[in-house]
C-alpha atoms as a PDB file:
ATOM      1  CA  UNK A   1      45.348  84.519  -0.819  1.00  0.00           C
ATOM      2  CA  UNK A   2      41.962  85.679   0.436  1.00  0.00           C
ATOM      3  CA  UNK A   3      41.865  89.169   1.926  1.00  0.00           C
ATOM      4  CA  UNK A   4      40.653  89.213   5.535  1.00  0.00           C
ATOM      5  CA  UNK A   5      37.259  90.785   6.063  1.00  0.00           C
ATOM      6  CA  UNK A   6      38.258  92.496   9.308  1.00  0.00           C
ATOM      7  CA  UNK A   7      41.445  94.419  10.018  1.00  0.00           C
ATOM      8  CA  UNK A   8      43.354  93.778  13.198  1.00  0.00           C
ATOM      9  CA  UNK A   9      42.217  97.096  14.648  1.00  0.00           C
ATOM     10  CA  UNK A  10      38.567  96.126  13.976  1.00  0.00           C
ATOM     11  CA  UNK A  11      39.162  92.760  15.637  1.00  0.00           C
ATOM     12  CA  UNK A  12      40.701  94.549  18.608  1.00  0.00           C
ATOM     13  CA  UNK A  13      37.629  96.819  18.932  1.00  0.00           C
ATOM     14  CA  UNK A  14      35.271  93.833  18.758  1.00  0.00           C
ATOM     15  CA  UNK A  15      37.218  92.020  21.493  1.00  0.00           C
ATOM     16  CA  UNK A  16      37.135  95.146  23.672  1.00  0.00           C
ATOM     17  CA  UNK A  17      33.355  95.312  23.241  1.00  0.00           C
ATOM     18  CA  UNK A  18      33.108  91.716  24.425  1.00  0.00           C
ATOM     19  CA  UNK A  19      35.236  92.511  27.476  1.00  0.00           C
ATOM     20  CA  UNK A  20      32.879  95.371  28.331  1.00  0.00           C
ATOM     21  CA  UNK A  21      30.065  92.870  28.835  1.00  0.00           C
ATOM     22  CA  UNK A  22      28.168  92.606  25.556  1.00  0.00           C
ATOM     23  CA  UNK A  23      27.007  88.995  25.042  1.00  0.00           C
ATOM     24  CA  UNK A  24      28.911  87.142  22.309  1.00  0.00           C
ATOM     25  CA  UNK A  25      25.852  86.179  20.183  1.00  0.00           C
ATOM     26  CA  UNK A  26      24.648  89.781  20.160  1.00  0.00           C
ATOM     27  CA  UNK A  27      28.135  91.047  19.300  1.00  0.00           C
ATOM     28  CA  UNK A  28      28.461  88.550  16.446  1.00  0.00           C
ATOM     29  CA  UNK A  29      25.062  89.507  15.056  1.00  0.00           C
ATOM     30  CA  UNK A  30      25.927  93.211  15.268  1.00  0.00           C
ATOM     31  CA  UNK A  31      29.182  92.781  13.320  1.00  0.00           C
ATOM     32  CA  UNK A  32      27.982  90.053  10.947  1.00  0.00           C
ATOM     33  CA  UNK A  33      30.453  87.354  11.932  1.00  0.00           C
ATOM     34  CA  UNK A  34      30.286  83.832  13.316  1.00  0.00           C
ATOM     35  CA  UNK A  35      30.800  82.748  16.903  1.00  0.00           C
ATOM     36  CA  UNK A  36      33.699  80.583  15.725  1.00  0.00           C
ATOM     37  CA  UNK A  37      35.500  83.626  14.330  1.00  0.00           C
ATOM     38  CA  UNK A  38      35.071  85.481  17.600  1.00  0.00           C
ATOM     39  CA  UNK A  39      36.444  82.632  19.697  1.00  0.00           C
ATOM     40  CA  UNK A  40      39.338  82.109  17.275  1.00  0.00           C
ATOM     41  CA  UNK A  41      40.227  85.804  17.521  1.00  0.00           C
ATOM     42  CA  UNK A  42      39.930  85.734  21.292  1.00  0.00           C
ATOM     43  CA  UNK A  43      42.305  82.762  21.474  1.00  0.00           C
ATOM     44  CA  UNK A  44      44.816  84.474  19.191  1.00  0.00           C
ATOM     45  CA  UNK A  45      44.551  88.123  20.266  1.00  0.00           C
ATOM     46  CA  UNK A  46      43.076  87.920  23.778  1.00  0.00           C
ATOM     47  CA  UNK A  47      44.797  90.260  26.222  1.00  0.00           C
ATOM     48  CA  UNK A  48      46.702  92.160  23.537  1.00  0.00           C
ATOM     49  CA  UNK A  49      46.609  95.825  22.698  1.00  0.00           C
ATOM     50  CA  UNK A  50      47.097  97.444  19.287  1.00  0.00           C
ATOM     51  CA  UNK A  51      50.878  97.746  19.659  1.00  0.00           C
ATOM     52  CA  UNK A  52      51.152  94.055  20.569  1.00  0.00           C
ATOM     53  CA  UNK A  53      49.086  93.137  17.531  1.00  0.00           C
ATOM     54  CA  UNK A  54      51.347  95.249  15.330  1.00  0.00           C
ATOM     55  CA  UNK A  55      54.424  93.564  16.812  1.00  0.00           C
ATOM     56  CA  UNK A  56      52.846  90.130  16.254  1.00  0.00           C
ATOM     57  CA  UNK A  57      52.233  90.980  12.583  1.00  0.00           C
ATOM     58  CA  UNK A  58      55.874  92.105  12.222  1.00  0.00           C
ATOM     59  CA  UNK A  59      57.126  88.892  13.814  1.00  0.00           C
ATOM     60  CA  UNK A  60      54.922  86.751  11.569  1.00  0.00           C
ATOM     61  CA  UNK A  61      56.271  88.570   8.499  1.00  0.00           C
ATOM     62  CA  UNK A  62      59.856  88.109   9.677  1.00  0.00           C
ATOM     63  CA  UNK A  63      59.188  84.430  10.348  1.00  0.00           C
ATOM     64  CA  UNK A  64      57.771  84.001   6.839  1.00  0.00           C
ATOM     65  CA  UNK A  65      60.815  85.702   5.334  1.00  0.00           C
ATOM     66  CA  UNK A  66      63.245  83.559   7.364  1.00  0.00           C
ATOM     67  CA  UNK A  67      61.450  80.353   6.364  1.00  0.00           C
ATOM     68  CA  UNK A  68      61.769  81.363   2.713  1.00  0.00           C
ATOM     69  CA  UNK A  69      65.474  82.092   3.153  1.00  0.00           C
ATOM     70  CA  UNK A  70      66.004  78.718   4.843  1.00  0.00           C
ATOM     71  CA  UNK A  71      64.152  76.851   2.101  1.00  0.00           C
ATOM     72  CA  UNK A  72      66.239  78.541  -0.598  1.00  0.00           C
ATOM     73  CA  UNK A  73      69.443  77.765   1.302  1.00  0.00           C
ATOM     74  CA  UNK A  74      68.493  74.086   1.687  1.00  0.00           C
ATOM     75  CA  UNK A  75      67.661  73.879  -2.011  1.00  0.00           C
ATOM     76  CA  UNK A  76      71.075  75.347  -2.930  1.00  0.00           C
ATOM     77  CA  UNK A  77      72.742  72.871  -0.572  1.00  0.00           C
ATOM     78  CA  UNK A  78      70.917  69.937  -2.156  1.00  0.00           C
ATOM     79  CA  UNK A  79      71.870  71.076  -5.665  1.00  0.00           C
ATOM     80  CA  UNK A  80      75.541  71.327  -4.643  1.00  0.00           C
ATOM     81  CA  UNK A  81      75.396  67.916  -2.965  1.00  0.00           C
ATOM     82  CA  UNK A  82      73.925  66.312  -6.106  1.00  0.00           C
ATOM     83  CA  UNK A  83      76.582  67.996  -8.269  1.00  0.00           C
ATOM     84  CA  UNK A  84      79.364  66.637  -6.051  1.00  0.00           C
ATOM     85  CA  UNK A  85      77.962  63.100  -6.137  1.00  0.00           C
ATOM     86  CA  UNK A  86      77.801  63.104  -9.950  1.00  0.00           C
ATOM     87  CA  UNK A  87      81.482  64.108 -10.265  1.00  0.00           C
END
């Protein structure tokens, strides 16, 4: 998986700069990013602080782990079901 270019704390700082009144094109030029990236970040992280971003990352990791557990459980269930049908 590709490593993100900006950390969440850097994204947070960039969004705070935009809230302070710096125009978006100038901000994007200063940080070397696209307008699309800025607006995507603003949609995802807008109104959050660093602790909220940390909590969001923890929840996403937990969600990923739970999805993996569910997939493994369903696979075990399907294997058992196939074994019972064959007998």
